[in-house]
N, C-alpha and C. Protein backbone atom coordinates (compact mmCIF):
# COMPACT_ATOMS: atom_id res chain seq x y z
N GLN A 1 -25.13 17.08 -56.00
CA GLN A 1 -24.16 16.04 -55.72
C GLN A 1 -24.11 15.79 -54.21
N VAL A 2 -24.18 14.52 -53.83
CA VAL A 2 -24.14 14.16 -52.42
C VAL A 2 -22.72 14.30 -51.90
N GLN A 3 -22.59 14.93 -50.76
CA GLN A 3 -21.30 15.01 -50.08
C GLN A 3 -21.44 14.47 -48.68
N LEU A 4 -20.48 13.66 -48.28
CA LEU A 4 -20.44 13.08 -46.94
C LEU A 4 -19.09 13.42 -46.32
N VAL A 5 -19.13 13.98 -45.13
CA VAL A 5 -17.89 14.38 -44.46
C VAL A 5 -17.87 13.78 -43.07
N GLU A 6 -16.91 12.87 -42.84
CA GLU A 6 -16.77 12.24 -41.53
C GLU A 6 -15.85 13.05 -40.63
N SER A 7 -16.08 12.91 -39.34
CA SER A 7 -15.20 13.52 -38.34
C SER A 7 -15.32 12.73 -37.05
N GLY A 8 -14.40 13.00 -36.13
CA GLY A 8 -14.49 12.39 -34.81
C GLY A 8 -13.53 11.26 -34.54
N GLY A 9 -12.75 10.87 -35.54
CA GLY A 9 -11.78 9.81 -35.31
C GLY A 9 -10.64 10.28 -34.42
N GLY A 10 -9.80 9.33 -34.03
CA GLY A 10 -8.66 9.67 -33.19
C GLY A 10 -8.03 8.45 -32.57
N LEU A 11 -7.18 8.71 -31.59
CA LEU A 11 -6.48 7.67 -30.86
C LEU A 11 -7.11 7.52 -29.49
N VAL A 12 -7.44 6.29 -29.13
CA VAL A 12 -8.07 6.02 -27.84
C VAL A 12 -7.54 4.72 -27.28
N GLN A 13 -7.52 4.59 -25.97
CA GLN A 13 -7.09 3.34 -25.35
C GLN A 13 -8.21 2.32 -25.40
N ALA A 14 -7.82 1.07 -25.34
CA ALA A 14 -8.80 0.00 -25.31
C ALA A 14 -9.76 0.21 -24.14
N GLY A 15 -11.04 -0.02 -24.41
CA GLY A 15 -12.07 0.23 -23.41
C GLY A 15 -12.67 1.61 -23.48
N GLY A 16 -12.06 2.49 -24.25
CA GLY A 16 -12.54 3.86 -24.36
C GLY A 16 -13.66 4.01 -25.38
N SER A 17 -14.05 5.26 -25.61
CA SER A 17 -15.17 5.57 -26.49
C SER A 17 -14.81 6.69 -27.47
N LEU A 18 -15.47 6.67 -28.62
CA LEU A 18 -15.39 7.74 -29.59
C LEU A 18 -16.76 7.87 -30.23
N ARG A 19 -17.07 9.07 -30.71
CA ARG A 19 -18.29 9.27 -31.50
C ARG A 19 -17.90 9.85 -32.85
N LEU A 20 -18.22 9.11 -33.88
CA LEU A 20 -17.99 9.58 -35.25
C LEU A 20 -19.24 10.30 -35.75
N SER A 21 -19.00 11.31 -36.57
CA SER A 21 -20.10 12.04 -37.20
C SER A 21 -19.94 12.00 -38.71
N CYS A 22 -21.06 12.02 -39.40
CA CYS A 22 -21.07 12.07 -40.87
C CYS A 22 -22.07 13.14 -41.27
N ALA A 23 -21.56 14.26 -41.74
CA ALA A 23 -22.41 15.35 -42.19
C ALA A 23 -22.74 15.16 -43.67
N ALA A 24 -24.03 15.09 -43.98
CA ALA A 24 -24.48 14.85 -45.35
C ALA A 24 -25.08 16.11 -45.96
N SER A 25 -24.80 16.33 -47.23
CA SER A 25 -25.36 17.49 -47.92
C SER A 25 -25.57 17.18 -49.39
N GLY A 26 -26.34 18.03 -50.06
CA GLY A 26 -26.51 17.92 -51.49
C GLY A 26 -27.81 17.29 -51.94
N ARG A 27 -28.54 16.68 -51.03
CA ARG A 27 -29.80 16.04 -51.40
C ARG A 27 -30.76 16.10 -50.22
N THR A 28 -31.99 15.71 -50.50
CA THR A 28 -32.93 15.38 -49.43
C THR A 28 -32.78 13.90 -49.15
N PHE A 29 -32.49 13.55 -47.91
CA PHE A 29 -32.08 12.19 -47.61
C PHE A 29 -33.20 11.31 -47.08
N SER A 30 -34.43 11.74 -47.23
CA SER A 30 -35.53 11.02 -46.60
C SER A 30 -35.66 9.58 -47.09
N ASN A 31 -35.20 9.27 -48.30
CA ASN A 31 -35.31 7.91 -48.80
C ASN A 31 -33.95 7.22 -48.89
N TYR A 32 -33.00 7.68 -48.09
CA TYR A 32 -31.66 7.12 -48.11
C TYR A 32 -31.41 6.20 -46.91
N TYR A 33 -30.53 5.26 -47.13
CA TYR A 33 -29.93 4.48 -46.06
C TYR A 33 -28.49 4.94 -45.89
N MET A 34 -28.08 5.11 -44.63
CA MET A 34 -26.74 5.59 -44.33
C MET A 34 -25.97 4.49 -43.60
N GLY A 35 -24.82 4.16 -44.14
CA GLY A 35 -24.03 3.08 -43.56
C GLY A 35 -22.67 3.55 -43.06
N TRP A 36 -22.16 2.81 -42.09
CA TRP A 36 -20.78 2.97 -41.64
C TRP A 36 -20.02 1.69 -42.00
N PHE A 37 -18.86 1.88 -42.57
CA PHE A 37 -17.98 0.78 -42.92
C PHE A 37 -16.60 1.08 -42.37
N ARG A 38 -15.75 0.07 -42.33
CA ARG A 38 -14.37 0.30 -41.89
C ARG A 38 -13.42 -0.57 -42.70
N GLN A 39 -12.19 -0.09 -42.77
CA GLN A 39 -11.18 -0.83 -43.50
C GLN A 39 -9.85 -0.73 -42.77
N ALA A 40 -9.36 -1.88 -42.34
CA ALA A 40 -8.07 -1.96 -41.69
C ALA A 40 -6.99 -2.24 -42.74
N PRO A 41 -5.73 -1.92 -42.46
CA PRO A 41 -4.66 -2.15 -43.43
C PRO A 41 -4.61 -3.60 -43.87
N GLY A 42 -4.58 -3.81 -45.18
CA GLY A 42 -4.47 -5.15 -45.72
C GLY A 42 -5.76 -5.95 -45.71
N LYS A 43 -6.85 -5.33 -45.29
CA LYS A 43 -8.13 -6.04 -45.23
C LYS A 43 -9.16 -5.37 -46.13
N GLU A 44 -10.21 -6.11 -46.43
CA GLU A 44 -11.29 -5.56 -47.23
C GLU A 44 -12.17 -4.64 -46.37
N ARG A 45 -12.86 -3.76 -47.07
CA ARG A 45 -13.79 -2.88 -46.38
C ARG A 45 -14.93 -3.73 -45.83
N GLU A 46 -15.30 -3.51 -44.58
CA GLU A 46 -16.33 -4.32 -43.96
C GLU A 46 -17.45 -3.47 -43.38
N PHE A 47 -18.62 -4.06 -43.37
CA PHE A 47 -19.82 -3.42 -42.85
C PHE A 47 -19.73 -3.28 -41.33
N VAL A 48 -20.21 -2.13 -40.84
CA VAL A 48 -20.28 -1.90 -39.40
C VAL A 48 -21.74 -1.74 -38.96
N ALA A 49 -22.45 -0.80 -39.58
CA ALA A 49 -23.83 -0.54 -39.19
C ALA A 49 -24.52 0.24 -40.30
N VAL A 50 -25.85 0.17 -40.32
CA VAL A 50 -26.64 0.92 -41.30
C VAL A 50 -27.94 1.36 -40.65
N ILE A 51 -28.42 2.53 -41.08
CA ILE A 51 -29.66 3.09 -40.55
C ILE A 51 -30.45 3.72 -41.68
N SER A 52 -31.77 3.53 -41.65
CA SER A 52 -32.62 4.25 -42.58
C SER A 52 -32.74 5.69 -42.11
N TRP A 53 -32.98 6.60 -43.05
CA TRP A 53 -33.04 8.00 -42.64
C TRP A 53 -34.20 8.24 -41.67
N SER A 54 -35.23 7.42 -41.77
CA SER A 54 -36.34 7.54 -40.83
C SER A 54 -35.95 7.06 -39.44
N GLY A 55 -34.88 6.28 -39.38
CA GLY A 55 -34.45 5.70 -38.11
C GLY A 55 -35.16 4.41 -37.76
N GLY A 56 -36.09 3.98 -38.62
CA GLY A 56 -36.87 2.80 -38.30
C GLY A 56 -36.17 1.48 -38.53
N SER A 57 -35.12 1.49 -39.34
CA SER A 57 -34.38 0.26 -39.63
C SER A 57 -32.92 0.44 -39.27
N ILE A 58 -32.43 -0.42 -38.42
CA ILE A 58 -31.03 -0.36 -37.98
C ILE A 58 -30.48 -1.78 -37.95
N TYR A 59 -29.27 -1.94 -38.48
CA TYR A 59 -28.60 -3.24 -38.46
C TYR A 59 -27.13 -3.04 -38.08
N TYR A 60 -26.59 -4.03 -37.39
CA TYR A 60 -25.20 -3.98 -36.96
C TYR A 60 -24.47 -5.25 -37.38
N ALA A 61 -23.18 -5.11 -37.58
CA ALA A 61 -22.32 -6.28 -37.71
C ALA A 61 -22.24 -6.96 -36.34
N ASP A 62 -22.12 -8.27 -36.35
CA ASP A 62 -22.06 -9.01 -35.09
C ASP A 62 -20.87 -8.56 -34.24
N SER A 63 -19.80 -8.15 -34.89
CA SER A 63 -18.58 -7.80 -34.17
C SER A 63 -18.72 -6.52 -33.35
N VAL A 64 -19.73 -5.70 -33.65
CA VAL A 64 -19.88 -4.43 -32.93
C VAL A 64 -21.20 -4.36 -32.16
N LYS A 65 -22.05 -5.36 -32.34
CA LYS A 65 -23.36 -5.32 -31.69
C LYS A 65 -23.20 -5.25 -30.17
N GLY A 66 -23.93 -4.34 -29.55
CA GLY A 66 -23.85 -4.16 -28.11
C GLY A 66 -22.79 -3.16 -27.68
N ARG A 67 -21.90 -2.78 -28.61
CA ARG A 67 -20.85 -1.81 -28.28
C ARG A 67 -21.01 -0.50 -29.07
N PHE A 68 -21.48 -0.61 -30.30
CA PHE A 68 -21.65 0.55 -31.17
C PHE A 68 -23.13 0.87 -31.32
N THR A 69 -23.42 2.16 -31.49
CA THR A 69 -24.79 2.61 -31.72
C THR A 69 -24.81 3.61 -32.86
N ILE A 70 -25.63 3.33 -33.86
CA ILE A 70 -25.79 4.25 -34.99
C ILE A 70 -27.06 5.06 -34.76
N SER A 71 -27.01 6.33 -35.11
CA SER A 71 -28.18 7.20 -34.96
C SER A 71 -28.09 8.32 -35.99
N ARG A 72 -29.16 9.08 -36.11
CA ARG A 72 -29.12 10.22 -37.04
C ARG A 72 -29.92 11.37 -36.48
N ASP A 73 -29.51 12.58 -36.87
CA ASP A 73 -30.23 13.79 -36.51
C ASP A 73 -30.69 14.41 -37.83
N SER A 74 -31.96 14.25 -38.13
CA SER A 74 -32.48 14.72 -39.41
C SER A 74 -32.34 16.23 -39.56
N ALA A 75 -32.51 16.95 -38.47
CA ALA A 75 -32.44 18.41 -38.54
C ALA A 75 -31.04 18.88 -38.92
N LYS A 76 -30.04 18.11 -38.52
CA LYS A 76 -28.65 18.47 -38.81
C LYS A 76 -28.10 17.72 -40.02
N ASN A 77 -28.91 16.84 -40.61
CA ASN A 77 -28.42 16.01 -41.73
C ASN A 77 -27.13 15.28 -41.36
N THR A 78 -27.11 14.72 -40.18
CA THR A 78 -25.90 14.09 -39.65
C THR A 78 -26.22 12.71 -39.11
N VAL A 79 -25.32 11.78 -39.40
CA VAL A 79 -25.40 10.42 -38.88
C VAL A 79 -24.23 10.22 -37.92
N TYR A 80 -24.48 9.51 -36.84
CA TYR A 80 -23.47 9.31 -35.81
C TYR A 80 -23.18 7.83 -35.63
N LEU A 81 -21.98 7.55 -35.16
CA LEU A 81 -21.62 6.21 -34.73
C LEU A 81 -20.95 6.34 -33.37
N GLN A 82 -21.68 5.99 -32.33
CA GLN A 82 -21.14 6.00 -30.97
C GLN A 82 -20.46 4.66 -30.75
N MET A 83 -19.18 4.71 -30.44
CA MET A 83 -18.39 3.50 -30.27
C MET A 83 -17.90 3.41 -28.84
N ASN A 84 -18.36 2.40 -28.12
CA ASN A 84 -17.96 2.18 -26.73
C ASN A 84 -17.19 0.87 -26.61
N SER A 85 -16.51 0.71 -25.50
CA SER A 85 -15.74 -0.51 -25.23
C SER A 85 -14.85 -0.87 -26.42
N LEU A 86 -14.14 0.09 -26.91
CA LEU A 86 -13.33 -0.12 -28.10
C LEU A 86 -12.22 -1.12 -27.85
N LYS A 87 -11.91 -1.87 -28.90
CA LYS A 87 -10.88 -2.90 -28.85
C LYS A 87 -9.81 -2.59 -29.90
N PRO A 88 -8.60 -3.09 -29.71
CA PRO A 88 -7.56 -2.86 -30.74
C PRO A 88 -8.00 -3.31 -32.13
N GLU A 89 -8.79 -4.37 -32.21
CA GLU A 89 -9.25 -4.85 -33.52
C GLU A 89 -10.27 -3.93 -34.18
N ASP A 90 -10.72 -2.90 -33.48
CA ASP A 90 -11.58 -1.89 -34.10
C ASP A 90 -10.77 -0.84 -34.86
N THR A 91 -9.46 -0.90 -34.76
CA THR A 91 -8.61 0.05 -35.46
C THR A 91 -8.80 -0.06 -36.97
N ALA A 92 -9.13 1.06 -37.61
CA ALA A 92 -9.41 1.08 -39.04
C ALA A 92 -9.71 2.51 -39.47
N VAL A 93 -9.79 2.69 -40.77
CA VAL A 93 -10.38 3.92 -41.30
C VAL A 93 -11.89 3.68 -41.40
N TYR A 94 -12.65 4.57 -40.86
CA TYR A 94 -14.11 4.43 -40.84
C TYR A 94 -14.71 5.35 -41.90
N TYR A 95 -15.60 4.78 -42.70
CA TYR A 95 -16.22 5.50 -43.80
C TYR A 95 -17.73 5.56 -43.62
N CYS A 96 -18.28 6.68 -43.99
CA CYS A 96 -19.73 6.87 -44.07
C CYS A 96 -20.13 6.68 -45.54
N ALA A 97 -21.28 6.07 -45.76
CA ALA A 97 -21.75 5.82 -47.13
C ALA A 97 -23.25 5.99 -47.20
N ALA A 98 -23.76 6.24 -48.41
CA ALA A 98 -25.19 6.47 -48.59
C ALA A 98 -25.69 5.79 -49.85
N ARG A 99 -26.94 5.33 -49.78
CA ARG A 99 -27.58 4.76 -50.95
C ARG A 99 -29.09 4.91 -50.77
N THR A 100 -29.81 4.85 -51.89
CA THR A 100 -31.27 4.84 -51.84
C THR A 100 -31.75 3.39 -51.90
N GLY A 101 -33.01 3.20 -51.62
CA GLY A 101 -33.60 1.87 -51.76
C GLY A 101 -33.72 1.17 -50.43
N TRP A 102 -32.81 0.29 -50.13
CA TRP A 102 -32.85 -0.49 -48.89
C TRP A 102 -31.47 -0.60 -48.29
N GLY A 103 -31.44 -0.96 -47.03
CA GLY A 103 -30.17 -1.10 -46.36
C GLY A 103 -29.50 -2.41 -46.73
N THR A 104 -28.19 -2.38 -46.87
CA THR A 104 -27.44 -3.57 -47.22
C THR A 104 -26.07 -3.52 -46.58
N ARG A 105 -25.49 -4.70 -46.36
CA ARG A 105 -24.15 -4.80 -45.79
C ARG A 105 -23.06 -4.77 -46.87
N ASP A 106 -23.45 -4.79 -48.11
CA ASP A 106 -22.52 -4.87 -49.22
C ASP A 106 -22.02 -3.47 -49.60
N PRO A 107 -20.74 -3.18 -49.39
CA PRO A 107 -20.24 -1.84 -49.71
C PRO A 107 -20.34 -1.50 -51.19
N MET A 108 -20.36 -2.50 -52.04
CA MET A 108 -20.45 -2.26 -53.48
C MET A 108 -21.79 -1.64 -53.87
N MET A 109 -22.78 -1.76 -53.01
CA MET A 109 -24.12 -1.26 -53.32
C MET A 109 -24.30 0.20 -52.95
N TYR A 110 -23.31 0.82 -52.36
CA TYR A 110 -23.43 2.21 -51.92
C TYR A 110 -22.86 3.14 -52.99
N ASN A 111 -23.60 4.22 -53.23
CA ASN A 111 -23.24 5.13 -54.31
C ASN A 111 -22.31 6.26 -53.88
N TYR A 112 -22.43 6.65 -52.62
CA TYR A 112 -21.71 7.83 -52.15
C TYR A 112 -20.89 7.48 -50.92
N TRP A 113 -19.68 8.04 -50.87
CA TRP A 113 -18.75 7.75 -49.78
C TRP A 113 -18.09 9.03 -49.30
N GLY A 114 -17.80 9.04 -47.99
CA GLY A 114 -16.98 10.09 -47.45
C GLY A 114 -15.50 9.76 -47.60
N GLN A 115 -14.67 10.64 -47.10
CA GLN A 115 -13.22 10.47 -47.26
C GLN A 115 -12.62 9.56 -46.20
N GLY A 116 -13.35 9.29 -45.14
CA GLY A 116 -12.88 8.41 -44.08
C GLY A 116 -12.24 9.16 -42.93
N THR A 117 -12.30 8.54 -41.76
CA THR A 117 -11.65 9.09 -40.57
C THR A 117 -10.97 7.95 -39.82
N GLN A 118 -9.74 8.18 -39.39
CA GLN A 118 -8.94 7.13 -38.77
C GLN A 118 -9.31 6.95 -37.31
N VAL A 119 -9.52 5.70 -36.93
CA VAL A 119 -9.72 5.34 -35.53
C VAL A 119 -8.61 4.36 -35.15
N THR A 120 -7.87 4.70 -34.11
CA THR A 120 -6.79 3.85 -33.64
C THR A 120 -7.03 3.55 -32.16
N VAL A 121 -7.08 2.26 -31.85
CA VAL A 121 -7.30 1.82 -30.47
C VAL A 121 -6.04 1.13 -29.98
N SER A 122 -5.44 1.69 -28.96
CA SER A 122 -4.20 1.12 -28.42
C SER A 122 -4.51 0.15 -27.29
N SER A 123 -3.66 -0.86 -27.18
CA SER A 123 -3.88 -1.87 -26.15
C SER A 123 -3.21 -1.51 -24.83
């Protein structure tokens, strides 16, 4: 059974940085795509970034492009989301997700989810 555990969330001032981690276990992830999504109160879950386990394919939402960086450490089975120049509108619960096949922005296509980690950006 795939398990995803996020960490690294917290409270930060606008303009600050955070690095989220997603520790994956339970499978060999060589053919998986790992995504980050976020959900703010009263809003739908939205795509943030996705990476192939090989690292060869990476996509970002336009709203975070140039500020966020997704990466993975295969040896540690961990995916990261480095978030810089944070804005109050980045405030949300951030989720890590996994699926096989190809990368997609559609959260409905992901089979496995972590429990989420709260990111709050104050103005």
